[in-house]
Amino acid sequence: MMPLKFRLAYRNLFHDRLRFIATIVGIIFSIVLVTVQMGLYVGFRRMVTTMIDHSSADLWIMPAGTKCFEDPSLLDDRQRFRALAVEGVADAAPLVIGYAQWRLPSGTTTPVFVVGSELRGSGLRPWNLAGGRIDDLTVPGAVAIDQSYFERLGVSGIGDSAEIRDQKVQVMAVTKGIRSFTTTPYVFAGVDRARSYTGMAANKVSYFLVRVAPGSDVGRVRRQLRDGLPDVEILTAAEFRSRSRSFWLFGTGAGAALFAGALLGFIVGTVIVAQTLYSSTKDHLSEFATLRAIGSSGAYIYLVIILQALLSAVIGFCGAVAISSVVVGMTADSALPIVMTPTMALALFLLTGVMCVASAIAAIVQVMRIDPTTVLAR
C-alpha cells in the first residue's frame, strides 16, 4: 500500500490539474532549454578538437603561440630531421593546413579548409570513409570531402571535379560525419598537394605529428625535442586538446553564451516550480495546520512537500528527455549537433531534482509559519 506521506504528496500535487500541468510544462521547458544549451556545449567541445582526437600523435610540434588547430602558422620542414634524430622518436609526420577557395563547376567559389598529411604512416588521414580508399588519394589532384558538404561544394559523389587555386581536383574519397564547427568544409589531400592548394612554400609545414617509439618515455622525448628545437612549442595531445577548447569556448566567448543560456533555463524553471509549489501549499494551509495540531513533526511536513517537488521533477524530466531525444535526432547531421551522453542525462536528472527541491523551500517556510491553534479557533 502507498505510504501515507507519499499519498498525501500525490493528492496535493494532482488536486489542481491545471496548476499541475503548468508546473510540468515549466519544468519541461527549462530542462529542454538546459539540455539544448549543454548539448550544444558538448557538441561544440567535441568538434573543436575532432582533428586532434583522430590523430595518433603522442606529441605535437607547432609554432610558438599557436592557439588552436585551425591557427595556420608555419614551421621549417628541415626541423623534421632534427626531430627524427632524437632518440625515441619513431616518426614525425608533417601536417599542412590552411584556407583555400573551392571553385564549383558553376563558377562560384566557397572557402574550404585544407588538411594535408602523409597518406601512410602516422599522418592525419580522413576517417569514417563512406566511399573510396585512402590509397585513392595518391592520385594527382585527388581529394576527400564529407558527404554532408556535397551540395555546398557542387558535387554529388566520387569522380566529380572542381578547382582549388585554379588547379583541378577530383573527389576520390568520401567521409561521413567529419564536419567543421566553423561550417567551412574540410578537404583532405596529400602534403604536397595541400601546399599547392594553400599557397604554402615547399619547405614549410604547419605541424609535425610525433609518434614515440614503444617503450620510450614521452616526457623524456619531449624534453630532448625542446632542447633540439628551441623556437617551437611541443605539446602532448591532451595539452593541445585542452588549449584548443579553452580558446574556442572561453577565448571567443562561445562557451560563456552557452552557459548563460543554460543558467537562464535553470532560473526560469526554478521560479515556475517554486511559484506553483508555493501556491499549492498556500491552498492547503489548513490541512498542514491540522497536521501540526495533531502532533505531526516538522520533518514529516518537510518530507511531504519535498516529495511533491520530487514527483514533479520525475514527471517533468521524463517529458523533457522525450522532447530532447527528438531534438538530438533532428540535429545529428547538422553543422553543430546537439549531443546527449549518459553522464549528461544523469547530471540533468540530478539538476532537475535540485531545482524542484530548492523550489520547495518557499513552501516549507510558509508552512512552518502556521500557528496550529488556528485550527482549534474555527
Protein backbone atom coordinates (compact mmCIF):
# COMPACT_ATOMS: atom_id res chain seq x y z
CA MET A 1 0.00 0.00 0.00
CA MET A 2 1.18 3.54 -0.75
CA PRO A 3 2.78 5.21 2.33
CA LEU A 4 0.62 7.93 3.87
CA LYS A 5 3.07 10.78 3.31
CA PHE A 6 3.56 9.78 -0.32
CA ARG A 7 -0.22 9.55 -0.84
CA LEU A 8 -0.66 12.99 0.73
CA ALA A 9 2.03 14.49 -1.52
CA TYR A 10 0.46 12.81 -4.55
CA ARG A 11 -3.03 14.13 -3.80
CA ASN A 12 -1.77 17.65 -3.09
CA LEU A 13 0.11 17.67 -6.37
CA PHE A 14 -2.78 16.37 -8.51
CA HIS A 15 -5.57 18.21 -6.68
CA ASP A 16 -5.46 21.12 -9.12
CA ARG A 17 -4.84 19.55 -12.53
CA LEU A 18 -4.40 22.83 -14.37
CA ARG A 19 -1.78 24.03 -11.90
CA PHE A 20 -0.05 20.65 -12.09
CA ILE A 21 0.12 20.85 -15.89
CA ALA A 22 1.59 24.37 -15.65
CA THR A 23 4.26 23.04 -13.27
CA ILE A 24 5.21 20.17 -15.55
CA VAL A 25 5.31 22.39 -18.63
CA GLY A 26 7.60 24.81 -16.76
CA ILE A 27 9.95 22.00 -15.75
CA ILE A 28 9.98 20.54 -19.26
CA PHE A 29 10.65 23.93 -20.83
CA SER A 30 13.55 24.71 -18.51
CA ILE A 31 15.15 21.25 -18.74
CA VAL A 32 14.85 21.14 -22.54
CA LEU A 33 16.46 24.58 -22.69
CA VAL A 34 19.29 23.46 -20.39
CA THR A 35 19.65 20.24 -22.40
CA VAL A 36 19.91 22.10 -25.69
CA GLN A 37 22.46 24.57 -24.35
CA MET A 38 24.59 21.92 -22.65
CA GLY A 39 24.20 19.58 -25.64
CA LEU A 40 25.47 22.33 -27.91
CA TYR A 41 28.34 22.89 -25.50
CA VAL A 42 29.30 19.20 -25.52
CA GLY A 43 28.92 19.00 -29.31
CA PHE A 44 30.96 22.16 -29.80
CA ARG A 45 33.59 20.90 -27.35
CA ARG A 46 33.98 17.72 -29.35
CA MET A 47 34.03 19.36 -32.75
CA VAL A 48 36.76 21.89 -31.93
CA THR A 49 39.18 19.02 -31.24
CA THR A 50 37.97 16.46 -33.78
CA MET A 51 41.25 16.58 -35.74
CA ILE A 52 43.36 16.24 -32.60
CA ASP A 53 41.18 13.40 -31.33
CA HIS A 54 41.64 11.40 -34.54
CA SER A 55 45.38 11.84 -34.70
CA SER A 56 47.66 9.08 -33.45
CA ALA A 57 50.36 11.57 -32.46
CA ASP A 58 51.86 11.44 -28.96
CA LEU A 59 53.35 14.92 -29.32
CA TRP A 60 52.55 17.92 -31.50
CA ILE A 61 55.36 20.21 -32.65
CA MET A 62 53.92 23.63 -33.52
CA PRO A 63 54.91 27.28 -33.92
CA ALA A 64 55.17 29.14 -30.61
CA GLY A 65 51.90 30.80 -29.61
CA THR A 66 49.60 28.51 -31.60
CA LYS A 67 46.13 28.89 -30.05
CA CYS A 68 44.24 26.03 -31.70
CA PHE A 69 44.38 23.52 -34.51
CA GLU A 70 42.94 25.97 -37.05
CA ASP A 71 45.59 28.61 -36.31
CA PRO A 72 47.69 28.38 -39.50
CA SER A 73 51.32 29.19 -38.70
CA LEU A 74 54.48 27.85 -40.32
CA LEU A 75 57.40 25.62 -39.41
CA ASP A 76 60.52 24.88 -41.43
CA ASP A 77 60.40 21.40 -42.92
CA ARG A 78 64.08 20.87 -42.01
CA GLN A 79 63.09 20.75 -38.35
CA ARG A 80 61.58 17.36 -39.05
CA PHE A 81 65.03 15.82 -39.44
CA ARG A 82 66.11 17.28 -36.10
CA ALA A 83 63.07 15.70 -34.51
CA LEU A 84 63.74 12.33 -36.14
CA ALA A 85 67.30 12.42 -34.80
CA VAL A 86 66.03 12.42 -31.20
CA GLU A 87 66.22 9.02 -29.54
CA GLY A 88 62.76 7.56 -29.01
CA VAL A 89 61.06 9.35 -31.93
CA ALA A 90 59.54 6.76 -34.26
CA ASP A 91 58.05 9.26 -36.71
CA ALA A 92 57.48 12.98 -37.18
CA ALA A 93 54.81 13.30 -39.86
CA PRO A 94 54.35 16.73 -41.50
CA LEU A 95 50.88 18.26 -41.48
CA VAL A 96 49.78 21.17 -43.67
CA ILE A 97 46.61 23.15 -43.01
CA GLY A 98 45.17 26.32 -44.47
CA TYR A 99 42.21 28.02 -46.08
CA ALA A 100 41.61 27.99 -49.82
CA GLN A 101 38.88 28.78 -52.34
CA TRP A 102 36.94 25.92 -53.88
CA ARG A 103 35.53 26.77 -57.32
CA LEU A 104 32.33 24.94 -58.14
CA PRO A 105 31.58 23.75 -61.69
CA SER A 106 29.05 26.62 -61.87
CA GLY A 107 31.89 29.13 -61.41
CA THR A 108 31.01 30.29 -57.89
CA THR A 109 33.50 29.87 -55.07
CA THR A 110 33.29 28.84 -51.42
CA PRO A 111 36.00 28.69 -48.74
CA VAL A 112 37.37 25.31 -47.65
CA PHE A 113 39.86 24.23 -45.02
CA VAL A 114 42.58 22.04 -46.49
CA VAL A 115 44.18 19.31 -44.36
CA GLY A 116 47.28 17.81 -45.98
CA SER A 117 49.05 14.84 -44.47
CA GLU A 118 51.12 11.83 -45.38
CA LEU A 119 48.74 9.16 -46.53
CA ARG A 120 50.78 6.41 -44.96
CA GLY A 121 52.38 6.20 -41.55
CA SER A 122 51.22 8.33 -38.59
CA GLY A 123 49.76 11.25 -40.51
CA LEU A 124 46.26 12.68 -40.04
CA ARG A 125 44.21 10.87 -42.65
CA PRO A 126 40.44 11.05 -43.23
CA TRP A 127 38.35 8.54 -41.28
CA ASN A 128 34.78 7.16 -41.45
CA LEU A 129 35.12 6.53 -45.17
CA ALA A 130 31.74 6.12 -46.88
CA GLY A 131 33.31 5.68 -50.31
CA GLY A 132 36.74 5.30 -51.85
CA ARG A 133 40.01 4.36 -50.15
CA ILE A 134 42.93 6.20 -48.59
CA ASP A 135 45.20 4.89 -51.36
CA ASP A 136 42.97 6.59 -53.92
CA LEU A 137 44.21 9.95 -52.62
CA THR A 138 47.70 9.25 -54.03
CA VAL A 139 46.34 10.08 -57.49
CA PRO A 140 47.37 13.64 -58.52
CA GLY A 141 44.57 16.10 -57.72
CA ALA A 142 42.65 13.59 -55.59
CA VAL A 143 40.85 14.91 -52.51
CA ALA A 144 38.47 13.59 -49.85
CA ILE A 145 35.43 15.52 -48.63
CA ASP A 146 32.50 14.82 -46.34
CA GLN A 147 29.17 13.84 -47.88
CA SER A 148 27.34 16.46 -45.80
CA TYR A 149 29.04 19.18 -47.90
CA PHE A 150 28.11 17.79 -51.36
CA GLU A 151 25.55 20.47 -52.11
CA ARG A 152 27.73 23.29 -50.85
CA LEU A 153 30.72 22.12 -52.90
CA GLY A 154 28.65 21.43 -56.00
CA VAL A 155 29.45 17.72 -56.24
CA SER A 156 27.40 14.55 -55.91
CA GLY A 157 29.99 11.89 -55.18
CA ILE A 158 33.21 10.16 -56.19
CA GLY A 159 34.56 11.17 -59.59
CA ASP A 160 33.18 14.72 -59.59
CA SER A 161 35.61 17.56 -60.25
CA ALA A 162 36.16 21.15 -59.12
CA GLU A 163 39.06 23.58 -58.74
CA ILE A 164 41.18 24.83 -55.85
CA ARG A 165 43.52 27.75 -56.55
CA ASP A 166 43.00 27.23 -60.31
CA GLN A 167 44.05 23.60 -60.03
CA LYS A 168 41.73 20.77 -60.93
CA VAL A 169 40.76 18.47 -58.08
CA GLN A 170 38.72 15.28 -58.19
CA VAL A 171 36.75 13.72 -55.37
CA MET A 172 38.24 10.25 -54.87
CA ALA A 173 37.11 9.51 -51.31
CA VAL A 174 34.05 10.46 -49.28
CA THR A 175 33.73 10.57 -45.49
CA LYS A 176 30.70 10.59 -43.22
CA GLY A 177 30.39 12.87 -40.20
CA ILE A 178 33.64 14.88 -40.46
CA ARG A 179 32.17 18.34 -40.06
CA SER A 180 33.76 21.62 -39.07
CA PHE A 181 32.29 23.71 -36.25
CA THR A 182 33.13 26.80 -38.32
CA THR A 183 30.95 25.30 -41.11
CA THR A 184 33.92 25.55 -43.51
CA PRO A 185 34.24 22.16 -45.25
CA TYR A 186 37.35 20.08 -44.62
CA VAL A 187 39.22 18.92 -47.73
CA PHE A 188 41.81 16.16 -47.24
CA ALA A 189 44.77 15.75 -49.57
CA GLY A 190 48.43 14.72 -49.61
CA VAL A 191 51.03 17.06 -48.11
CA ASP A 192 52.48 18.34 -51.39
CA ARG A 193 49.07 18.96 -52.96
CA ALA A 194 47.89 20.73 -49.80
CA ARG A 195 50.86 23.10 -50.00
CA SER A 196 49.94 23.90 -53.57
CA TYR A 197 46.25 24.45 -52.73
CA THR A 198 47.02 26.81 -49.83
CA GLY A 199 49.90 28.64 -51.49
CA MET A 200 52.40 27.41 -48.90
CA ALA A 201 56.12 27.21 -49.72
CA ALA A 202 57.52 23.77 -50.47
CA ASN A 203 59.74 23.82 -47.37
CA LYS A 204 57.03 24.82 -44.89
CA VAL A 205 54.54 22.86 -42.80
CA SER A 206 52.02 23.67 -40.06
CA TYR A 207 52.73 20.87 -37.57
CA PHE A 208 54.80 17.78 -37.01
CA LEU A 209 52.94 14.83 -35.55
CA VAL A 210 55.41 12.92 -33.40
CA ARG A 211 54.88 9.26 -32.61
CA VAL A 212 57.05 7.99 -29.79
CA ALA A 213 58.64 4.55 -30.16
CA PRO A 214 57.15 1.78 -27.99
CA GLY A 215 58.82 1.62 -24.60
CA SER A 216 60.16 5.17 -24.79
CA ASP A 217 59.24 7.75 -22.19
CA VAL A 218 57.13 10.53 -23.71
CA GLY A 219 58.29 13.08 -21.13
CA ARG A 220 61.97 12.38 -21.81
CA VAL A 221 61.47 12.52 -25.59
CA ARG A 222 59.62 15.81 -25.18
CA ARG A 223 62.45 17.35 -23.16
CA GLN A 224 65.02 16.29 -25.76
CA LEU A 225 62.89 17.72 -28.55
CA ARG A 226 62.70 21.03 -26.69
CA ASP A 227 66.47 21.10 -26.39
CA GLY A 228 66.90 20.45 -30.10
CA LEU A 229 64.06 22.69 -31.29
CA PRO A 230 64.15 25.84 -29.14
CA ASP A 231 61.87 28.05 -31.27
CA VAL A 232 58.76 25.85 -31.20
CA GLU A 233 56.20 24.53 -28.76
CA ILE A 234 55.82 20.83 -28.07
CA LEU A 235 52.53 19.73 -26.55
CA THR A 236 51.00 16.38 -25.78
CA ALA A 237 47.72 15.58 -27.50
CA ALA A 238 45.87 16.18 -24.21
CA GLU A 239 47.50 19.59 -23.74
CA PHE A 240 46.78 20.70 -27.30
CA ARG A 241 43.19 19.49 -26.95
CA SER A 242 42.77 21.49 -23.75
CA ARG A 243 44.32 24.61 -25.29
CA SER A 244 42.06 24.46 -28.36
CA ARG A 245 38.93 24.02 -26.25
CA SER A 246 39.91 26.86 -23.93
CA PHE A 247 40.46 29.19 -26.87
CA TRP A 248 37.22 28.46 -28.70
CA LEU A 249 34.98 28.05 -25.66
CA PHE A 250 36.27 30.84 -23.46
CA GLY A 251 38.65 32.95 -25.53
CA THR A 252 35.91 33.66 -28.07
CA GLY A 253 33.01 33.85 -25.61
CA ALA A 254 31.12 30.95 -27.21
CA GLY A 255 31.23 28.89 -24.02
CA ALA A 256 30.01 31.79 -21.89
CA ALA A 257 26.98 32.27 -24.18
CA LEU A 258 26.04 28.59 -23.92
CA PHE A 259 26.43 28.58 -20.15
CA ALA A 260 24.33 31.74 -19.87
CA GLY A 261 21.50 30.09 -21.81
CA ALA A 262 21.64 27.00 -19.58
CA LEU A 263 21.61 29.17 -16.46
CA LEU A 264 18.61 31.10 -17.77
CA GLY A 265 16.70 27.87 -18.30
CA PHE A 266 17.53 26.71 -14.79
CA ILE A 267 16.38 30.01 -13.24
CA VAL A 268 13.13 30.07 -15.24
CA GLY A 269 12.31 26.51 -14.25
CA THR A 270 13.11 27.11 -10.59
CA VAL A 271 10.89 30.20 -10.44
CA ILE A 272 7.96 28.45 -12.14
CA VAL A 273 8.15 25.38 -9.91
CA ALA A 274 8.64 27.48 -6.76
CA GLN A 275 5.62 29.61 -7.56
CA THR A 276 3.45 26.57 -8.26
CA LEU A 277 4.51 24.68 -5.13
CA TYR A 278 4.05 27.80 -3.03
CA SER A 279 0.53 28.36 -4.41
CA SER A 280 -0.39 24.71 -3.92
CA THR A 281 0.88 24.75 -0.34
CA LYS A 282 -0.91 28.01 0.42
CA ASP A 283 -4.20 26.47 -0.75
CA HIS A 284 -3.70 23.63 1.74
CA LEU A 285 -2.52 25.65 4.74
CA SER A 286 -5.46 24.50 6.84
CA GLU A 287 -4.60 20.85 6.15
CA PHE A 288 -0.96 21.40 7.11
CA ALA A 289 -2.08 23.32 10.21
CA THR A 290 -4.23 20.31 11.15
CA LEU A 291 -1.23 18.01 10.74
CA ARG A 292 0.78 20.20 13.07
CA ALA A 293 -2.09 20.45 15.55
CA ILE A 294 -2.36 16.66 15.85
CA GLY A 295 1.33 16.38 16.51
CA SER A 296 2.98 15.78 13.12
CA SER A 297 6.64 16.72 13.25
CA GLY A 298 8.21 19.41 11.12
CA ALA A 299 10.32 16.72 9.43
CA TYR A 300 7.15 14.88 8.35
CA ILE A 301 5.71 18.02 6.75
CA TYR A 302 9.06 18.81 5.12
CA LEU A 303 9.07 15.33 3.61
CA VAL A 304 5.54 15.70 2.20
CA ILE A 305 6.41 18.96 0.44
CA ILE A 306 9.75 17.64 -0.82
CA LEU A 307 8.02 14.51 -2.14
CA GLN A 308 5.69 16.79 -4.11
CA ALA A 309 8.71 18.50 -5.60
CA LEU A 310 10.42 15.22 -6.45
CA LEU A 311 7.28 13.83 -8.09
CA SER A 312 7.18 16.96 -10.25
CA ALA A 313 10.86 16.50 -11.04
CA VAL A 314 10.50 12.88 -12.18
CA ILE A 315 7.43 13.53 -14.35
CA GLY A 316 8.89 16.72 -15.84
CA PHE A 317 12.26 15.08 -16.50
CA CYS A 318 10.68 12.18 -18.37
CA GLY A 319 8.81 14.61 -20.62
CA ALA A 320 11.95 16.69 -21.16
CA VAL A 321 14.01 13.61 -22.11
CA ALA A 322 11.41 12.57 -24.68
CA ILE A 323 11.43 16.01 -26.33
CA SER A 324 15.23 16.34 -26.08
CA SER A 325 15.73 12.95 -27.76
CA VAL A 326 13.74 14.20 -30.75
CA VAL A 327 15.81 17.40 -30.89
CA VAL A 328 19.07 15.44 -30.65
CA GLY A 329 17.97 13.19 -33.53
CA MET A 330 16.97 16.15 -35.69
CA THR A 331 20.38 17.83 -35.27
CA ALA A 332 22.51 14.69 -35.64
CA ASP A 333 23.56 15.59 -39.20
CA SER A 334 23.67 19.35 -38.74
CA ALA A 335 26.77 21.55 -38.71
CA LEU A 336 26.65 21.71 -34.90
CA PRO A 337 24.84 18.68 -33.47
CA ILE A 338 23.32 18.63 -30.00
CA VAL A 339 24.95 15.78 -28.07
CA MET A 340 23.36 13.84 -25.22
CA THR A 341 25.53 11.43 -23.21
CA PRO A 342 24.53 9.08 -20.34
CA THR A 343 26.60 11.17 -17.93
CA MET A 344 24.89 14.34 -19.10
CA ALA A 345 21.44 12.71 -18.74
CA LEU A 346 22.26 11.70 -15.16
CA ALA A 347 23.52 15.21 -14.39
CA LEU A 348 20.33 16.72 -15.82
CA PHE A 349 18.20 14.38 -13.70
CA LEU A 350 20.07 15.45 -10.57
CA LEU A 351 19.77 19.08 -11.67
CA THR A 352 16.01 18.69 -12.07
CA GLY A 353 15.74 17.22 -8.58
CA VAL A 354 17.84 20.01 -7.08
CA MET A 355 15.79 22.63 -8.92
CA CYS A 356 12.50 21.24 -7.64
CA VAL A 357 13.69 20.68 -4.07
CA ALA A 358 15.14 24.19 -3.97
CA SER A 359 11.78 25.45 -5.19
CA ALA A 360 10.07 23.72 -2.25
CA ILE A 361 11.91 25.88 0.27
CA ALA A 362 9.47 28.79 -0.12
CA ALA A 363 6.55 26.44 0.52
CA ILE A 364 8.26 24.93 3.58
CA VAL A 365 8.91 28.36 5.05
CA GLN A 366 5.23 29.29 4.59
CA VAL A 367 4.00 26.11 6.28
CA MET A 368 6.31 26.43 9.26
CA ARG A 369 4.89 29.89 9.97
CA ILE A 370 1.44 28.39 10.54
CA ASP A 371 0.06 28.63 14.08
CA PRO A 372 -1.54 25.22 14.84
CA THR A 373 -4.07 26.89 17.16
CA THR A 374 -5.80 28.43 14.13
CA VAL A 375 -7.42 25.04 13.54
CA LEU A 376 -8.87 24.97 17.09
CA ALA A 377 -10.12 28.55 16.73
CA ARG A 378 -12.50 27.58 13.91
